[in-house]
Amino acid sequence: MDFEFFRDLTGVCRARFSMGHEAFGQWLTDEVTPAEASALLAQIRRLEARQDEEFRRVYAEFTLLLSRDDAELAAHSLAFEGDQLEEGMAYYDDELFAGCGLDDLARVLEQWRAFIQA
């Protein structure tokens, strides 16, 4: 999983991730403050210590699900109803769902927290 952190022209901290992990970039940019990153890192430590089996947090645009090994991030907009597509068409949802190992997410959160506090 490749990523970069940068400040846009207005000075806002942004995250950009490689294909298949783009959702993490939007989630970090829009929803993860230093305090939230710290809280998630503490929760990751609880999972790694086997104090919890699973953790779920609902954000404005995404839901994060952590297990003892993995992290999954899914946009709320993935929950659509009905068969609204013509035959042969598919939804493009690569930017709406991402997963990674729990250790990878911890590394990203530590680096993101350091970047936005700098």
Protein backbone atom coordinates (compact mmCIF):
# COMPACT_ATOMS: atom_id res chain seq x y z
CA MET A 1 0.00 0.00 0.00
CA ASP A 2 1.64 3.19 -1.21
CA PHE A 3 0.56 6.59 0.05
CA GLU A 4 1.63 10.20 0.36
CA PHE A 5 0.67 13.06 2.61
CA PHE A 6 0.70 16.65 1.37
CA ARG A 7 -0.77 20.09 1.94
CA ASP A 8 -2.95 21.53 -0.79
CA LEU A 9 -2.77 25.13 -1.98
CA THR A 10 -4.97 26.25 0.91
CA GLY A 11 -2.80 24.45 3.49
CA VAL A 12 -5.23 21.60 4.18
CA CYS A 13 -3.55 18.28 4.99
CA ARG A 14 -4.48 15.59 2.50
CA ALA A 15 -3.71 11.91 2.03
CA ARG A 16 -3.47 10.06 -1.28
CA PHE A 17 -3.28 6.25 -1.53
CA SER A 18 -2.54 3.82 -4.33
CA MET A 19 -5.25 2.02 -6.30
CA GLY A 20 -7.30 -0.31 -4.20
CA HIS A 21 -6.69 1.76 -1.07
CA GLU A 22 -7.99 5.17 -2.18
CA ALA A 23 -10.73 5.16 0.46
CA PHE A 24 -8.10 5.46 3.18
CA GLY A 25 -6.96 8.77 1.70
CA GLN A 26 -10.41 10.33 1.75
CA TRP A 27 -11.13 8.97 5.23
CA LEU A 28 -7.88 10.33 6.71
CA THR A 29 -8.31 13.68 4.99
CA ASP A 30 -11.93 14.17 6.01
CA GLU A 31 -12.36 12.36 9.30
CA VAL A 32 -9.15 11.56 11.20
CA THR A 33 -7.82 14.22 13.58
CA PRO A 34 -4.75 13.72 15.77
CA ALA A 35 -7.02 12.79 18.69
CA GLU A 36 -8.91 10.28 16.56
CA ALA A 37 -5.66 8.75 15.30
CA SER A 38 -4.50 8.36 18.91
CA ALA A 39 -7.79 6.75 19.93
CA LEU A 40 -7.60 4.31 17.02
CA LEU A 41 -4.00 3.44 17.81
CA ALA A 42 -5.03 2.66 21.40
CA GLN A 43 -7.83 0.45 20.08
CA ILE A 44 -5.39 -1.34 17.77
CA ARG A 45 -3.18 -2.07 20.78
CA ARG A 46 -6.23 -3.55 22.58
CA LEU A 47 -6.94 -5.81 19.62
CA GLU A 48 -3.32 -6.89 19.34
CA ALA A 49 -3.28 -7.69 23.08
CA ARG A 50 -6.41 -9.80 22.53
CA GLN A 51 -8.43 -7.62 24.92
CA ASP A 52 -11.06 -7.10 22.20
CA GLU A 53 -12.06 -9.25 19.24
CA GLU A 54 -13.51 -6.57 17.00
CA PHE A 55 -14.05 -2.82 16.87
CA ARG A 56 -16.41 -0.78 14.68
CA ARG A 57 -16.64 2.98 14.36
CA VAL A 58 -19.12 4.84 12.19
CA TYR A 59 -17.98 8.16 10.74
CA ALA A 60 -19.87 10.70 8.64
CA GLU A 61 -18.94 9.05 5.33
CA PHE A 62 -17.28 5.74 6.25
CA THR A 63 -17.47 2.81 8.65
CA LEU A 64 -14.24 1.32 9.96
CA LEU A 65 -14.16 -2.30 11.08
CA LEU A 66 -11.08 -3.60 12.90
CA SER A 67 -10.44 -7.24 13.76
CA ARG A 68 -7.38 -8.72 15.41
CA ASP A 69 -5.65 -8.99 12.03
CA ASP A 70 -7.38 -6.73 9.52
CA ALA A 71 -8.90 -3.34 8.92
CA GLU A 72 -11.77 -2.67 6.51
CA LEU A 73 -13.09 0.73 5.53
CA ALA A 74 -16.38 1.03 3.64
CA ALA A 75 -18.19 4.14 2.46
CA HIS A 76 -21.83 4.46 3.42
CA SER A 77 -22.63 5.11 -0.23
CA LEU A 78 -21.85 1.43 -0.95
CA ALA A 79 -25.19 0.60 0.62
CA PHE A 80 -27.48 1.08 -2.34
CA GLU A 81 -30.81 -0.56 -2.98
CA GLY A 82 -32.41 -2.03 -6.04
CA ASP A 83 -31.10 -3.16 -9.37
CA GLN A 84 -30.51 0.22 -10.97
CA LEU A 85 -27.84 -0.74 -13.50
CA GLU A 86 -28.34 -1.95 -17.02
CA GLU A 87 -27.14 -5.42 -17.87
CA GLY A 88 -23.37 -5.62 -18.26
CA MET A 89 -22.74 -2.46 -16.23
CA ALA A 90 -20.95 -2.38 -12.87
CA TYR A 91 -20.48 0.11 -10.06
CA TYR A 92 -17.05 1.69 -9.70
CA ASP A 93 -16.41 1.33 -6.01
CA ASP A 94 -12.62 1.14 -5.73
CA GLU A 95 -12.59 4.50 -3.95
CA LEU A 96 -15.33 3.43 -1.56
CA PHE A 97 -13.86 0.32 0.05
CA ALA A 98 -10.36 -0.60 1.22
CA GLY A 99 -8.74 -3.13 3.46
CA CYS A 100 -5.31 -3.76 4.93
CA GLY A 101 -3.54 -5.47 7.79
CA LEU A 102 -3.94 -4.03 11.26
CA ASP A 103 -0.20 -3.35 11.48
CA ASP A 104 -0.32 -1.40 8.19
CA LEU A 105 -3.17 0.75 9.48
CA ALA A 106 -1.26 1.46 12.70
CA ARG A 107 1.76 2.60 10.68
CA VAL A 108 -0.43 4.87 8.53
CA LEU A 109 -2.16 6.38 11.56
CA GLU A 110 1.13 7.10 13.31
CA GLN A 111 2.54 8.82 10.23
CA TRP A 112 -0.69 10.74 9.54
CA ARG A 113 -0.84 12.00 13.14
CA ALA A 114 2.77 13.16 12.95
CA PHE A 115 2.18 14.85 9.61
CA ILE A 116 -0.93 16.82 10.60
CA GLN A 117 0.61 17.91 13.89
CA ALA A 118 3.76 19.25 12.20
